[in-house]
Amino acid sequence: MKAYIDRDGCISCGLCEEICPEVFRIADDGLAEVIVDEVPEEVEDEAIEAAESCPTSVITVE
């Protein structure tokens, strides 16, 4: 499973990092980023929750 962020639409709310810090973080430029190549199996549900909770719907997990 992989996670992607369309950083152009990110509003830097930090919700993804709060829900799944193993996969997402707020980068030095203030926008969210994915920090793993593959979503670890043990946090797949949290990564999906982060995508579903994103207020701008810029996160994709597939």
C-alpha atoms as a PDB file:
ATOM      1  CA  MET A   1       0.000   0.000   0.000  1.00  0.00           C
ATOM      2  CA  LYS A   2       1.256   3.466  -0.902  1.00  0.00           C
ATOM      3  CA  ALA A   3       0.233   6.937   0.237  1.00  0.00           C
ATOM      4  CA  TYR A   4       0.351  10.105  -1.851  1.00  0.00           C
ATOM      5  CA  ILE A   5      -0.321  13.772  -1.110  1.00  0.00           C
ATOM      6  CA  ASP A   6      -1.197  16.455  -3.630  1.00  0.00           C
ATOM      7  CA  ARG A   7       0.843  19.066  -1.797  1.00  0.00           C
ATOM      8  CA  ASP A   8      -0.579  21.892  -3.936  1.00  0.00           C
ATOM      9  CA  GLY A   9      -3.896  21.540  -2.103  1.00  0.00           C
ATOM     10  CA  CYS A  10      -2.493  20.951   1.395  1.00  0.00           C
ATOM     11  CA  ILE A  11      -3.613  23.523   3.988  1.00  0.00           C
ATOM     12  CA  SER A  12      -1.113  22.345   6.651  1.00  0.00           C
ATOM     13  CA  CYS A  13      -3.781  21.413   9.196  1.00  0.00           C
ATOM     14  CA  GLY A  14      -1.627  18.563  10.569  1.00  0.00           C
ATOM     15  CA  LEU A  15      -4.515  16.122  10.910  1.00  0.00           C
ATOM     16  CA  CYS A  16      -2.788  13.418   8.846  1.00  0.00           C
ATOM     17  CA  GLU A  17       0.301  13.586  11.048  1.00  0.00           C
ATOM     18  CA  GLU A  18      -1.857  13.488  14.164  1.00  0.00           C
ATOM     19  CA  ILE A  19      -3.741  10.399  12.967  1.00  0.00           C
ATOM     20  CA  CYS A  20      -0.812   8.503  11.412  1.00  0.00           C
ATOM     21  CA  PRO A  21       2.632   9.901  12.273  1.00  0.00           C
ATOM     22  CA  GLU A  22       4.250   6.700  11.006  1.00  0.00           C
ATOM     23  CA  VAL A  23       3.333   7.738   7.445  1.00  0.00           C
ATOM     24  CA  PHE A  24       2.770  11.515   7.414  1.00  0.00           C
ATOM     25  CA  ARG A  25       4.491  14.592   8.812  1.00  0.00           C
ATOM     26  CA  ILE A  26       4.532  18.326   8.302  1.00  0.00           C
ATOM     27  CA  ALA A  27       7.706  19.125   6.358  1.00  0.00           C
ATOM     28  CA  ASP A  28      10.000  22.086   6.877  1.00  0.00           C
ATOM     29  CA  ASP A  29       8.075  24.007   4.206  1.00  0.00           C
ATOM     30  CA  GLY A  30       4.897  23.683   6.285  1.00  0.00           C
ATOM     31  CA  LEU A  31       3.118  21.214   4.012  1.00  0.00           C
ATOM     32  CA  ALA A  32       2.323  17.580   4.729  1.00  0.00           C
ATOM     33  CA  GLU A  33       4.484  14.882   3.197  1.00  0.00           C
ATOM     34  CA  VAL A  34       4.638  11.094   3.066  1.00  0.00           C
ATOM     35  CA  ILE A  35       7.694   9.766   4.912  1.00  0.00           C
ATOM     36  CA  VAL A  36       7.611   6.089   3.869  1.00  0.00           C
ATOM     37  CA  ASP A  37       7.805   4.301   0.519  1.00  0.00           C
ATOM     38  CA  GLU A  38       5.272   1.687   1.593  1.00  0.00           C
ATOM     39  CA  VAL A  39       2.639   2.086   4.307  1.00  0.00           C
ATOM     40  CA  PRO A  40       3.499  -0.406   7.075  1.00  0.00           C
ATOM     41  CA  GLU A  41       0.825  -3.092   7.324  1.00  0.00           C
ATOM     42  CA  GLU A  42       0.220  -2.381  11.018  1.00  0.00           C
ATOM     43  CA  VAL A  43      -0.829   1.236  10.316  1.00  0.00           C
ATOM     44  CA  GLU A  44      -2.791   0.788   7.072  1.00  0.00           C
ATOM     45  CA  ASP A  45      -6.099   1.530   8.822  1.00  0.00           C
ATOM     46  CA  GLU A  46      -4.691   4.750  10.298  1.00  0.00           C
ATOM     47  CA  ALA A  47      -3.332   5.850   6.911  1.00  0.00           C
ATOM     48  CA  ILE A  48      -6.743   5.291   5.344  1.00  0.00           C
ATOM     49  CA  GLU A  49      -8.383   7.188   8.211  1.00  0.00           C
ATOM     50  CA  ALA A  50      -5.973  10.088   7.631  1.00  0.00           C
ATOM     51  CA  ALA A  51      -6.896  10.158   3.933  1.00  0.00           C
ATOM     52  CA  GLU A  52     -10.610  10.053   4.697  1.00  0.00           C
ATOM     53  CA  SER A  53     -10.242  12.775   7.351  1.00  0.00           C
ATOM     54  CA  CYS A  54      -8.251  15.196   5.198  1.00  0.00           C
ATOM     55  CA  PRO A  55     -10.353  18.373   4.927  1.00  0.00           C
ATOM     56  CA  THR A  56      -9.082  19.098   1.415  1.00  0.00           C
ATOM     57  CA  SER A  57      -9.088  15.457   0.197  1.00  0.00           C
ATOM     58  CA  VAL A  58      -5.504  15.654  -1.083  1.00  0.00           C
ATOM     59  CA  ILE A  59      -4.361  12.307   0.371  1.00  0.00           C
ATOM     60  CA  THR A  60      -4.659   9.072  -1.593  1.00  0.00           C
ATOM     61  CA  VAL A  61      -3.914   5.652  -0.111  1.00  0.00           C
ATOM     62  CA  GLU A  62      -3.943   2.670  -2.467  1.00  0.00           C
END
